[in-house]
Amino acid sequence: LPTTIAAILMLFVTYKFHEELFNKKY
């Protein structure tokens, strides 16, 4: 579970990272 939670959080931060540097569309 600790790894799973960290993996989910990392995916979410990557999503927000993309929004910040590129665009929300993709």
mmCIF file of all heavy atoms, coordinates in Angstrom:
data_MODEL
# 
_entry.id   MODEL 
# 
loop_
_atom_site.group_PDB 
_atom_site.id 
_atom_site.type_symbol 
_atom_site.label_atom_id 
_atom_site.label_alt_id 
_atom_site.label_comp_id 
_atom_site.label_asym_id 
_atom_site.label_entity_id 
_atom_site.label_seq_id 
_atom_site.pdbx_PDB_ins_code 
_atom_site.Cartn_x 
_atom_site.Cartn_y 
_atom_site.Cartn_z 
_atom_site.occupancy 
_atom_site.B_iso_or_equiv 
_atom_site.pdbx_formal_charge 
_atom_site.auth_seq_id 
_atom_site.auth_comp_id 
_atom_site.auth_asym_id 
_atom_site.auth_atom_id 
_atom_site.pdbx_PDB_model_num 
ATOM 1   N N   . LEU A 1 1  ? 0.800  -1.223 0.000   1.00 0.00 ? 1  LEU A N   1 
ATOM 2   C CA  . LEU A 1 1  ? 0.000  0.000  0.000   1.00 0.00 ? 1  LEU A CA  1 
ATOM 3   C C   . LEU A 1 1  ? 0.840  1.283  0.000   1.00 0.00 ? 1  LEU A C   1 
ATOM 4   O O   . LEU A 1 1  ? 0.500  2.235  -0.724  1.00 0.00 ? 1  LEU A O   1 
ATOM 5   C CB  . LEU A 1 1  ? -0.960 -0.015 1.191   1.00 0.00 ? 1  LEU A CB  1 
ATOM 6   C CG  . LEU A 1 1  ? -2.195 0.885  1.070   1.00 0.00 ? 1  LEU A CG  1 
ATOM 7   C CD1 . LEU A 1 1  ? -2.974 0.593  -0.201  1.00 0.00 ? 1  LEU A CD1 1 
ATOM 8   C CD2 . LEU A 1 1  ? -3.081 0.710  2.295   1.00 0.00 ? 1  LEU A CD2 1 
ATOM 9   N N   . PRO A 1 2  ? 1.933  1.387  0.785   1.00 0.00 ? 2  PRO A N   1 
ATOM 10  C CA  . PRO A 1 2  ? 2.756  2.606  0.710   1.00 0.00 ? 2  PRO A CA  1 
ATOM 11  C C   . PRO A 1 2  ? 3.269  2.885  -0.702  1.00 0.00 ? 2  PRO A C   1 
ATOM 12  O O   . PRO A 1 2  ? 3.247  4.031  -1.160  1.00 0.00 ? 2  PRO A O   1 
ATOM 13  C CB  . PRO A 1 2  ? 3.903  2.314  1.684   1.00 0.00 ? 2  PRO A CB  1 
ATOM 14  C CG  . PRO A 1 2  ? 3.334  1.350  2.656   1.00 0.00 ? 2  PRO A CG  1 
ATOM 15  C CD  . PRO A 1 2  ? 2.419  0.472  1.848   1.00 0.00 ? 2  PRO A CD  1 
ATOM 16  N N   . THR A 1 3  ? 3.716  1.830  -1.394  1.00 0.00 ? 3  THR A N   1 
ATOM 17  C CA  . THR A 1 3  ? 4.180  1.998  -2.766  1.00 0.00 ? 3  THR A CA  1 
ATOM 18  C C   . THR A 1 3  ? 3.034  2.410  -3.677  1.00 0.00 ? 3  THR A C   1 
ATOM 19  O O   . THR A 1 3  ? 3.193  3.287  -4.542  1.00 0.00 ? 3  THR A O   1 
ATOM 20  C CB  . THR A 1 3  ? 4.807  0.684  -3.287  1.00 0.00 ? 3  THR A CB  1 
ATOM 21  O OG1 . THR A 1 3  ? 5.910  0.330  -2.456  1.00 0.00 ? 3  THR A OG1 1 
ATOM 22  C CG2 . THR A 1 3  ? 5.297  0.829  -4.716  1.00 0.00 ? 3  THR A CG2 1 
ATOM 23  N N   . THR A 1 4  ? 1.875  1.779  -3.505  1.00 0.00 ? 4  THR A N   1 
ATOM 24  C CA  . THR A 1 4  ? 0.715  2.083  -4.348  1.00 0.00 ? 4  THR A CA  1 
ATOM 25  C C   . THR A 1 4  ? 0.274  3.533  -4.183  1.00 0.00 ? 4  THR A C   1 
ATOM 26  O O   . THR A 1 4  ? 0.002  4.227  -5.173  1.00 0.00 ? 4  THR A O   1 
ATOM 27  C CB  . THR A 1 4  ? -0.457 1.138  -4.001  1.00 0.00 ? 4  THR A CB  1 
ATOM 28  O OG1 . THR A 1 4  ? -0.034 -0.216 -4.183  1.00 0.00 ? 4  THR A OG1 1 
ATOM 29  C CG2 . THR A 1 4  ? -1.655 1.404  -4.893  1.00 0.00 ? 4  THR A CG2 1 
ATOM 30  N N   . ILE A 1 5  ? 0.215  4.008  -2.939  1.00 0.00 ? 5  ILE A N   1 
ATOM 31  C CA  . ILE A 1 5  ? -0.184 5.392  -2.683  1.00 0.00 ? 5  ILE A CA  1 
ATOM 32  C C   . ILE A 1 5  ? 0.821  6.360  -3.310  1.00 0.00 ? 5  ILE A C   1 
ATOM 33  O O   . ILE A 1 5  ? 0.436  7.361  -3.939  1.00 0.00 ? 5  ILE A O   1 
ATOM 34  C CB  . ILE A 1 5  ? -0.329 5.637  -1.169  1.00 0.00 ? 5  ILE A CB  1 
ATOM 35  C CG1 . ILE A 1 5  ? -1.523 4.857  -0.615  1.00 0.00 ? 5  ILE A CG1 1 
ATOM 36  C CG2 . ILE A 1 5  ? -0.487 7.135  -0.867  1.00 0.00 ? 5  ILE A CG2 1 
ATOM 37  C CD1 . ILE A 1 5  ? -1.615 4.848  0.894   1.00 0.00 ? 5  ILE A CD1 1 
ATOM 38  N N   . ALA A 1 6  ? 2.123  6.059  -3.150  1.00 0.00 ? 6  ALA A N   1 
ATOM 39  C CA  . ALA A 1 6  ? 3.159  6.913  -3.738  1.00 0.00 ? 6  ALA A CA  1 
ATOM 40  C C   . ALA A 1 6  ? 3.062  6.919  -5.257  1.00 0.00 ? 6  ALA A C   1 
ATOM 41  O O   . ALA A 1 6  ? 3.254  7.961  -5.900  1.00 0.00 ? 6  ALA A O   1 
ATOM 42  C CB  . ALA A 1 6  ? 4.543  6.428  -3.296  1.00 0.00 ? 6  ALA A CB  1 
ATOM 43  N N   . ALA A 1 7  ? 2.763  5.763  -5.850  1.00 0.00 ? 7  ALA A N   1 
ATOM 44  C CA  . ALA A 1 7  ? 2.626  5.665  -7.309  1.00 0.00 ? 7  ALA A CA  1 
ATOM 45  C C   . ALA A 1 7  ? 1.471  6.527  -7.809  1.00 0.00 ? 7  ALA A C   1 
ATOM 46  O O   . ALA A 1 7  ? 1.597  7.253  -8.806  1.00 0.00 ? 7  ALA A O   1 
ATOM 47  C CB  . ALA A 1 7  ? 2.422  4.207  -7.720  1.00 0.00 ? 7  ALA A CB  1 
ATOM 48  N N   . ILE A 1 8  ? 0.332  6.465  -7.105  1.00 0.00 ? 8  ILE A N   1 
ATOM 49  C CA  . ILE A 1 8  ? -0.836 7.264  -7.489  1.00 0.00 ? 8  ILE A CA  1 
ATOM 50  C C   . ILE A 1 8  ? -0.524 8.756  -7.366  1.00 0.00 ? 8  ILE A C   1 
ATOM 51  O O   . ILE A 1 8  ? -0.854 9.550  -8.263  1.00 0.00 ? 8  ILE A O   1 
ATOM 52  C CB  . ILE A 1 8  ? -2.056 6.885  -6.616  1.00 0.00 ? 8  ILE A CB  1 
ATOM 53  C CG1 . ILE A 1 8  ? -2.501 5.456  -6.926  1.00 0.00 ? 8  ILE A CG1 1 
ATOM 54  C CG2 . ILE A 1 8  ? -3.205 7.856  -6.843  1.00 0.00 ? 8  ILE A CG2 1 
ATOM 55  C CD1 . ILE A 1 8  ? -3.513 4.898  -5.943  1.00 0.00 ? 8  ILE A CD1 1 
ATOM 56  N N   . LEU A 1 9  ? 0.119  9.134  -6.273  1.00 0.00 ? 9  LEU A N   1 
ATOM 57  C CA  . LEU A 1 9  ? 0.476  10.543 -6.074  1.00 0.00 ? 9  LEU A CA  1 
ATOM 58  C C   . LEU A 1 9  ? 1.446  11.021 -7.152  1.00 0.00 ? 9  LEU A C   1 
ATOM 59  O O   . LEU A 1 9  ? 1.329  12.144 -7.658  1.00 0.00 ? 9  LEU A O   1 
ATOM 60  C CB  . LEU A 1 9  ? 1.087  10.735 -4.683  1.00 0.00 ? 9  LEU A CB  1 
ATOM 61  C CG  . LEU A 1 9  ? 1.520  12.169 -4.322  1.00 0.00 ? 9  LEU A CG  1 
ATOM 62  C CD1 . LEU A 1 9  ? 0.350  13.140 -4.422  1.00 0.00 ? 9  LEU A CD1 1 
ATOM 63  C CD2 . LEU A 1 9  ? 2.142  12.204 -2.931  1.00 0.00 ? 9  LEU A CD2 1 
ATOM 64  N N   . MET A 1 10 ? 2.383  10.165 -7.513  1.00 0.00 ? 10 MET A N   1 
ATOM 65  C CA  . MET A 1 10 ? 3.359  10.530 -8.552  1.00 0.00 ? 10 MET A CA  1 
ATOM 66  C C   . MET A 1 10 ? 2.671  10.742 -9.899  1.00 0.00 ? 10 MET A C   1 
ATOM 67  O O   . MET A 1 10 ? 3.032  11.657 -10.653 1.00 0.00 ? 10 MET A O   1 
ATOM 68  C CB  . MET A 1 10 ? 4.419  9.436  -8.650  1.00 0.00 ? 10 MET A CB  1 
ATOM 69  C CG  . MET A 1 10 ? 5.659  9.845  -9.411  1.00 0.00 ? 10 MET A CG  1 
ATOM 70  S SD  . MET A 1 10 ? 6.952  8.594  -9.222  1.00 0.00 ? 10 MET A SD  1 
ATOM 71  C CE  . MET A 1 10 ? 8.197  9.242  -10.346 1.00 0.00 ? 10 MET A CE  1 
ATOM 72  N N   . LEU A 1 11 ? 1.693  9.915  -10.224 1.00 0.00 ? 11 LEU A N   1 
ATOM 73  C CA  . LEU A 1 11 ? 0.924  10.092 -11.459 1.00 0.00 ? 11 LEU A CA  1 
ATOM 74  C C   . LEU A 1 11 ? 0.148  11.401 -11.427 1.00 0.00 ? 11 LEU A C   1 
ATOM 75  O O   . LEU A 1 11 ? 0.103  12.131 -12.432 1.00 0.00 ? 11 LEU A O   1 
ATOM 76  C CB  . LEU A 1 11 ? -0.033 8.911  -11.656 1.00 0.00 ? 11 LEU A CB  1 
ATOM 77  C CG  . LEU A 1 11 ? 0.594  7.550  -11.962 1.00 0.00 ? 11 LEU A CG  1 
ATOM 78  C CD1 . LEU A 1 11 ? -0.466 6.461  -11.947 1.00 0.00 ? 11 LEU A CD1 1 
ATOM 79  C CD2 . LEU A 1 11 ? 1.317  7.565  -13.304 1.00 0.00 ? 11 LEU A CD2 1 
ATOM 80  N N   . PHE A 1 12 ? -0.452 11.714 -10.274 1.00 0.00 ? 12 PHE A N   1 
ATOM 81  C CA  . PHE A 1 12 ? -1.223 12.953 -10.145 1.00 0.00 ? 12 PHE A CA  1 
ATOM 82  C C   . PHE A 1 12 ? -0.326 14.178 -10.306 1.00 0.00 ? 12 PHE A C   1 
ATOM 83  O O   . PHE A 1 12 ? -0.682 15.134 -11.008 1.00 0.00 ? 12 PHE A O   1 
ATOM 84  C CB  . PHE A 1 12 ? -1.931 12.988 -8.786  1.00 0.00 ? 12 PHE A CB  1 
ATOM 85  C CG  . PHE A 1 12 ? -2.640 14.281 -8.513  1.00 0.00 ? 12 PHE A CG  1 
ATOM 86  C CD1 . PHE A 1 12 ? -3.826 14.587 -9.171  1.00 0.00 ? 12 PHE A CD1 1 
ATOM 87  C CD2 . PHE A 1 12 ? -2.107 15.197 -7.614  1.00 0.00 ? 12 PHE A CD2 1 
ATOM 88  C CE1 . PHE A 1 12 ? -4.479 15.799 -8.927  1.00 0.00 ? 12 PHE A CE1 1 
ATOM 89  C CE2 . PHE A 1 12 ? -2.758 16.398 -7.368  1.00 0.00 ? 12 PHE A CE2 1 
ATOM 90  C CZ  . PHE A 1 12 ? -3.944 16.695 -8.033  1.00 0.00 ? 12 PHE A CZ  1 
ATOM 91  N N   . VAL A 1 13 ? 0.845  14.150 -9.661  1.00 0.00 ? 13 VAL A N   1 
ATOM 92  C CA  . VAL A 1 13 ? 1.777  15.282 -9.764  1.00 0.00 ? 13 VAL A CA  1 
ATOM 93  C C   . VAL A 1 13 ? 2.274  15.432 -11.198 1.00 0.00 ? 13 VAL A C   1 
ATOM 94  O O   . VAL A 1 13 ? 2.432  16.555 -11.696 1.00 0.00 ? 13 VAL A O   1 
ATOM 95  C CB  . VAL A 1 13 ? 2.956  15.112 -8.778  1.00 0.00 ? 13 VAL A CB  1 
ATOM 96  C CG1 . VAL A 1 13 ? 3.995  16.218 -8.972  1.00 0.00 ? 13 VAL A CG1 1 
ATOM 97  C CG2 . VAL A 1 13 ? 2.451  15.125 -7.340  1.00 0.00 ? 13 VAL A CG2 1 
ATOM 98  N N   . THR A 1 14 ? 2.501  14.323 -11.884 1.00 0.00 ? 14 THR A N   1 
ATOM 99  C CA  . THR A 1 14 ? 2.915  14.376 -13.295 1.00 0.00 ? 14 THR A CA  1 
ATOM 100 C C   . THR A 1 14 ? 1.824  15.026 -14.147 1.00 0.00 ? 14 THR A C   1 
ATOM 101 O O   . THR A 1 14 ? 2.108  15.818 -15.058 1.00 0.00 ? 14 THR A O   1 
ATOM 102 C CB  . THR A 1 14 ? 3.225  12.956 -13.821 1.00 0.00 ? 14 THR A CB  1 
ATOM 103 O OG1 . THR A 1 14 ? 4.202  12.342 -12.975 1.00 0.00 ? 14 THR A OG1 1 
ATOM 104 C CG2 . THR A 1 14 ? 3.759  13.003 -15.243 1.00 0.00 ? 14 THR A CG2 1 
ATOM 105 N N   . TYR A 1 15 ? 0.576  14.699 -13.841 1.00 0.00 ? 15 TYR A N   1 
ATOM 106 C CA  . TYR A 1 15 ? -0.568 15.319 -14.529 1.00 0.00 ? 15 TYR A CA  1 
ATOM 107 C C   . TYR A 1 15 ? -0.569 16.832 -14.325 1.00 0.00 ? 15 TYR A C   1 
ATOM 108 O O   . TYR A 1 15 ? -0.708 17.606 -15.286 1.00 0.00 ? 15 TYR A O   1 
ATOM 109 C CB  . TYR A 1 15 ? -1.862 14.699 -13.988 1.00 0.00 ? 15 TYR A CB  1 
ATOM 110 C CG  . TYR A 1 15 ? -3.132 15.301 -14.536 1.00 0.00 ? 15 TYR A CG  1 
ATOM 111 C CD1 . TYR A 1 15 ? -3.663 14.874 -15.746 1.00 0.00 ? 15 TYR A CD1 1 
ATOM 112 C CD2 . TYR A 1 15 ? -3.802 16.301 -13.833 1.00 0.00 ? 15 TYR A CD2 1 
ATOM 113 C CE1 . TYR A 1 15 ? -4.837 15.427 -16.256 1.00 0.00 ? 15 TYR A CE1 1 
ATOM 114 C CE2 . TYR A 1 15 ? -4.973 16.857 -14.332 1.00 0.00 ? 15 TYR A CE2 1 
ATOM 115 C CZ  . TYR A 1 15 ? -5.483 16.413 -15.543 1.00 0.00 ? 15 TYR A CZ  1 
ATOM 116 O OH  . TYR A 1 15 ? -6.636 16.967 -16.036 1.00 0.00 ? 15 TYR A OH  1 
ATOM 117 N N   . LYS A 1 16 ? -0.396 17.267 -13.081 1.00 0.00 ? 16 LYS A N   1 
ATOM 118 C CA  . LYS A 1 16 ? -0.374 18.697 -12.776 1.00 0.00 ? 16 LYS A CA  1 
ATOM 119 C C   . LYS A 1 16 ? 0.857  19.376 -13.375 1.00 0.00 ? 16 LYS A C   1 
ATOM 120 O O   . LYS A 1 16 ? 0.807  20.537 -13.793 1.00 0.00 ? 16 LYS A O   1 
ATOM 121 C CB  . LYS A 1 16 ? -0.414 18.924 -11.264 1.00 0.00 ? 16 LYS A CB  1 
ATOM 122 C CG  . LYS A 1 16 ? -1.625 18.335 -10.553 1.00 0.00 ? 16 LYS A CG  1 
ATOM 123 C CD  . LYS A 1 16 ? -2.938 18.823 -11.131 1.00 0.00 ? 16 LYS A CD  1 
ATOM 124 C CE  . LYS A 1 16 ? -3.238 20.269 -10.790 1.00 0.00 ? 16 LYS A CE  1 
ATOM 125 N NZ  . LYS A 1 16 ? -4.569 20.697 -11.270 1.00 0.00 ? 16 LYS A NZ  1 
ATOM 126 N N   . PHE A 1 17 ? 1.961  18.644 -13.416 1.00 0.00 ? 17 PHE A N   1 
ATOM 127 C CA  . PHE A 1 17 ? 3.207  19.116 -14.036 1.00 0.00 ? 17 PHE A CA  1 
ATOM 128 C C   . PHE A 1 17 ? 2.952  19.431 -15.520 1.00 0.00 ? 17 PHE A C   1 
ATOM 129 O O   . PHE A 1 17 ? 3.368  20.470 -16.031 1.00 0.00 ? 17 PHE A O   1 
ATOM 130 C CB  . PHE A 1 17 ? 4.279  18.034 -13.910 1.00 0.00 ? 17 PHE A CB  1 
ATOM 131 C CG  . PHE A 1 17 ? 5.637  18.550 -13.562 1.00 0.00 ? 17 PHE A CG  1 
ATOM 132 C CD1 . PHE A 1 17 ? 6.447  17.847 -12.679 1.00 0.00 ? 17 PHE A CD1 1 
ATOM 133 C CD2 . PHE A 1 17 ? 6.131  19.722 -14.122 1.00 0.00 ? 17 PHE A CD2 1 
ATOM 134 C CE1 . PHE A 1 17 ? 7.715  18.306 -12.355 1.00 0.00 ? 17 PHE A CE1 1 
ATOM 135 C CE2 . PHE A 1 17 ? 7.397  20.185 -13.803 1.00 0.00 ? 17 PHE A CE2 1 
ATOM 136 C CZ  . PHE A 1 17 ? 8.190  19.482 -12.911 1.00 0.00 ? 17 PHE A CZ  1 
ATOM 137 N N   . HIS A 1 18 ? 2.289  18.499 -16.193 1.00 0.00 ? 18 HIS A N   1 
ATOM 138 C CA  . HIS A 1 18 ? 1.967  18.682 -17.619 1.00 0.00 ? 18 HIS A CA  1 
ATOM 139 C C   . HIS A 1 18 ? 1.086  19.920 -17.810 1.00 0.00 ? 18 HIS A C   1 
ATOM 140 O O   . HIS A 1 18 ? 1.329  20.727 -18.727 1.00 0.00 ? 18 HIS A O   1 
ATOM 141 C CB  . HIS A 1 18 ? 1.257  17.441 -18.154 1.00 0.00 ? 18 HIS A CB  1 
ATOM 142 C CG  . HIS A 1 18 ? 1.006  17.470 -19.629 1.00 0.00 ? 18 HIS A CG  1 
ATOM 143 N ND1 . HIS A 1 18 ? 1.592  16.573 -20.501 1.00 0.00 ? 18 HIS A ND1 1 
ATOM 144 C CD2 . HIS A 1 18 ? 0.249  18.286 -20.403 1.00 0.00 ? 18 HIS A CD2 1 
ATOM 145 C CE1 . HIS A 1 18 ? 1.189  16.846 -21.736 1.00 0.00 ? 18 HIS A CE1 1 
ATOM 146 N NE2 . HIS A 1 18 ? 0.362  17.886 -21.694 1.00 0.00 ? 18 HIS A NE2 1 
ATOM 147 N N   . GLU A 1 19 ? 0.084  20.060 -16.967 1.00 0.00 ? 19 GLU A N   1 
ATOM 148 C CA  . GLU A 1 19 ? -0.792 21.237 -17.052 1.00 0.00 ? 19 GLU A CA  1 
ATOM 149 C C   . GLU A 1 19 ? 0.000  22.533 -16.905 1.00 0.00 ? 19 GLU A C   1 
ATOM 150 O O   . GLU A 1 19 ? -0.257 23.519 -17.603 1.00 0.00 ? 19 GLU A O   1 
ATOM 151 C CB  . GLU A 1 19 ? -1.852 21.188 -15.943 1.00 0.00 ? 19 GLU A CB  1 
ATOM 152 C CG  . GLU A 1 19 ? -3.028 20.279 -16.238 1.00 0.00 ? 19 GLU A CG  1 
ATOM 153 C CD  . GLU A 1 19 ? -4.128 20.446 -15.212 1.00 0.00 ? 19 GLU A CD  1 
ATOM 154 O OE1 . GLU A 1 19 ? -3.854 20.934 -14.096 1.00 0.00 ? 19 GLU A OE1 1 
ATOM 155 O OE2 . GLU A 1 19 ? -5.278 20.078 -15.529 1.00 0.00 ? 19 GLU A OE2 1 
ATOM 156 N N   . GLU A 1 20 ? 0.964  22.523 -15.996 1.00 0.00 ? 20 GLU A N   1 
ATOM 157 C CA  . GLU A 1 20 ? 1.739  23.730 -15.711 1.00 0.00 ? 20 GLU A CA  1 
ATOM 158 C C   . GLU A 1 20 ? 2.688  24.104 -16.850 1.00 0.00 ? 20 GLU A C   1 
ATOM 159 O O   . GLU A 1 20 ? 2.835  25.285 -17.174 1.00 0.00 ? 20 GLU A O   1 
ATOM 160 C CB  . GLU A 1 20 ? 2.538  23.513 -14.412 1.00 0.00 ? 20 GLU A CB  1 
ATOM 161 C CG  . GLU A 1 20 ? 3.133  24.763 -13.817 1.00 0.00 ? 20 GLU A CG  1 
ATOM 162 C CD  . GLU A 1 20 ? 2.098  25.699 -13.231 1.00 0.00 ? 20 GLU A CD  1 
ATOM 163 O OE1 . GLU A 1 20 ? 1.016  25.227 -12.826 1.00 0.00 ? 20 GLU A OE1 1 
ATOM 164 O OE2 . GLU A 1 20 ? 2.372  26.915 -13.175 1.00 0.00 ? 20 GLU A OE2 1 
ATOM 165 N N   . LEU A 1 21 ? 3.320  23.094 -17.462 1.00 0.00 ? 21 LEU A N   1 
ATOM 166 C CA  . LEU A 1 21 ? 4.343  23.374 -18.470 1.00 0.00 ? 21 LEU A CA  1 
ATOM 167 C C   . LEU A 1 21 ? 3.806  23.378 -19.898 1.00 0.00 ? 21 LEU A C   1 
ATOM 168 O O   . LEU A 1 21 ? 4.382  24.022 -20.782 1.00 0.00 ? 21 LEU A O   1 
ATOM 169 C CB  . LEU A 1 21 ? 5.473  22.345 -18.366 1.00 0.00 ? 21 LEU A CB  1 
ATOM 170 C CG  . LEU A 1 21 ? 6.319  22.397 -17.090 1.00 0.00 ? 21 LEU A CG  1 
ATOM 171 C CD1 . LEU A 1 21 ? 7.380  21.313 -17.121 1.00 0.00 ? 21 LEU A CD1 1 
ATOM 172 C CD2 . LEU A 1 21 ? 6.972  23.770 -16.910 1.00 0.00 ? 21 LEU A CD2 1 
ATOM 173 N N   . PHE A 1 22 ? 2.730  22.644 -20.146 1.00 0.00 ? 22 PHE A N   1 
ATOM 174 C CA  . PHE A 1 22 ? 2.208  22.546 -21.512 1.00 0.00 ? 22 PHE A CA  1 
ATOM 175 C C   . PHE A 1 22 ? 0.777  23.081 -21.580 1.00 0.00 ? 22 PHE A C   1 
ATOM 176 O O   . PHE A 1 22 ? 0.562  24.272 -21.664 1.00 0.00 ? 22 PHE A O   1 
ATOM 177 C CB  . PHE A 1 22 ? 2.286  21.096 -22.013 1.00 0.00 ? 22 PHE A CB  1 
ATOM 178 C CG  . PHE A 1 22 ? 3.673  20.529 -21.954 1.00 0.00 ? 22 PHE A CG  1 
ATOM 179 C CD1 . PHE A 1 22 ? 3.928  19.335 -21.288 1.00 0.00 ? 22 PHE A CD1 1 
ATOM 180 C CD2 . PHE A 1 22 ? 4.749  21.195 -22.536 1.00 0.00 ? 22 PHE A CD2 1 
ATOM 181 C CE1 . PHE A 1 22 ? 5.211  18.822 -21.215 1.00 0.00 ? 22 PHE A CE1 1 
ATOM 182 C CE2 . PHE A 1 22 ? 6.038  20.685 -22.472 1.00 0.00 ? 22 PHE A CE2 1 
ATOM 183 C CZ  . PHE A 1 22 ? 6.272  19.494 -21.811 1.00 0.00 ? 22 PHE A CZ  1 
ATOM 184 N N   . ASN A 1 23 ? -0.195 22.190 -21.535 1.00 0.00 ? 23 ASN A N   1 
ATOM 185 C CA  . ASN A 1 23 ? -1.596 22.620 -21.578 1.00 0.00 ? 23 ASN A CA  1 
ATOM 186 C C   . ASN A 1 23 ? -2.469 21.577 -20.895 1.00 0.00 ? 23 ASN A C   1 
ATOM 187 O O   . ASN A 1 23 ? -2.014 20.471 -20.601 1.00 0.00 ? 23 ASN A O   1 
ATOM 188 C CB  . ASN A 1 23 ? -2.054 22.817 -23.031 1.00 0.00 ? 23 ASN A CB  1 
ATOM 189 C CG  . ASN A 1 23 ? -1.755 21.577 -23.862 1.00 0.00 ? 23 ASN A CG  1 
ATOM 190 O OD1 . ASN A 1 23 ? -2.254 20.496 -23.567 1.00 0.00 ? 23 ASN A OD1 1 
ATOM 191 N ND2 . ASN A 1 23 ? -0.928 21.722 -24.899 1.00 0.00 ? 23 ASN A ND2 1 
ATOM 192 N N   . LYS A 1 24 ? -3.700 21.936 -20.631 1.00 0.00 ? 24 LYS A N   1 
ATOM 193 C CA  . LYS A 1 24 ? -4.619 21.033 -19.933 1.00 0.00 ? 24 LYS A CA  1 
ATOM 194 C C   . LYS A 1 24 ? -5.227 19.986 -20.864 1.00 0.00 ? 24 LYS A C   1 
ATOM 195 O O   . LYS A 1 24 ? -5.647 18.929 -20.414 1.00 0.00 ? 24 LYS A O   1 
ATOM 196 C CB  . LYS A 1 24 ? -5.735 21.843 -19.264 1.00 0.00 ? 24 LYS A CB  1 
ATOM 197 C CG  . LYS A 1 24 ? -5.259 22.715 -18.118 1.00 0.00 ? 24 LYS A CG  1 
ATOM 198 C CD  . LYS A 1 24 ? -6.426 23.412 -17.441 1.00 0.00 ? 24 LYS A CD  1 
ATOM 199 C CE  . LYS A 1 24 ? -5.941 24.245 -16.255 1.00 0.00 ? 24 LYS A CE  1 
ATOM 200 N NZ  . LYS A 1 24 ? -7.050 24.914 -15.556 1.00 0.00 ? 24 LYS A NZ  1 
ATOM 201 N N   . LYS A 1 25 ? -5.249 20.283 -22.154 1.00 0.00 ? 25 LYS A N   1 
ATOM 202 C CA  . LYS A 1 25 ? -5.979 19.435 -23.098 1.00 0.00 ? 25 LYS A CA  1 
ATOM 203 C C   . LYS A 1 25 ? -5.463 17.995 -23.111 1.00 0.00 ? 25 LYS A C   1 
ATOM 204 O O   . LYS A 1 25 ? -6.233 17.040 -23.107 1.00 0.00 ? 25 LYS A O   1 
ATOM 205 C CB  . LYS A 1 25 ? -5.902 20.032 -24.500 1.00 0.00 ? 25 LYS A CB  1 
ATOM 206 C CG  . LYS A 1 25 ? -6.762 19.290 -25.515 1.00 0.00 ? 25 LYS A CG  1 
ATOM 207 C CD  . LYS A 1 25 ? -6.739 19.975 -26.869 1.00 0.00 ? 25 LYS A CD  1 
ATOM 208 C CE  . LYS A 1 25 ? -7.625 19.223 -27.875 1.00 0.00 ? 25 LYS A CE  1 
ATOM 209 N NZ  . LYS A 1 25 ? -7.602 19.847 -29.211 1.00 0.00 ? 25 LYS A NZ  1 
ATOM 210 N N   . TYR A 1 26 ? -4.151 17.828 -23.140 1.00 0.00 ? 26 TYR A N   1 
ATOM 211 C CA  . TYR A 1 26 ? -3.575 16.485 -23.216 1.00 0.00 ? 26 TYR A CA  1 
ATOM 212 C C   . TYR A 1 26 ? -2.817 16.118 -21.936 1.00 0.00 ? 26 TYR A C   1 
ATOM 213 O O   . TYR A 1 26 ? -1.903 15.292 -21.961 1.00 0.00 ? 26 TYR A O   1 
ATOM 214 C CB  . TYR A 1 26 ? -2.646 16.376 -24.418 1.00 0.00 ? 26 TYR A CB  1 
ATOM 215 C CG  . TYR A 1 26 ? -3.339 16.576 -25.743 1.00 0.00 ? 26 TYR A CG  1 
ATOM 216 C CD1 . TYR A 1 26 ? -3.028 17.673 -26.557 1.00 0.00 ? 26 TYR A CD1 1 
ATOM 217 C CD2 . TYR A 1 26 ? -4.316 15.689 -26.176 1.00 0.00 ? 26 TYR A CD2 1 
ATOM 218 C CE1 . TYR A 1 26 ? -3.671 17.863 -27.775 1.00 0.00 ? 26 TYR A CE1 1 
ATOM 219 C CE2 . TYR A 1 26 ? -4.968 15.865 -27.390 1.00 0.00 ? 26 TYR A CE2 1 
ATOM 220 C CZ  . TYR A 1 26 ? -4.639 16.951 -28.189 1.00 0.00 ? 26 TYR A CZ  1 
ATOM 221 O OH  . TYR A 1 26 ? -5.276 17.137 -29.391 1.00 0.00 ? 26 TYR A OH  1 
# 
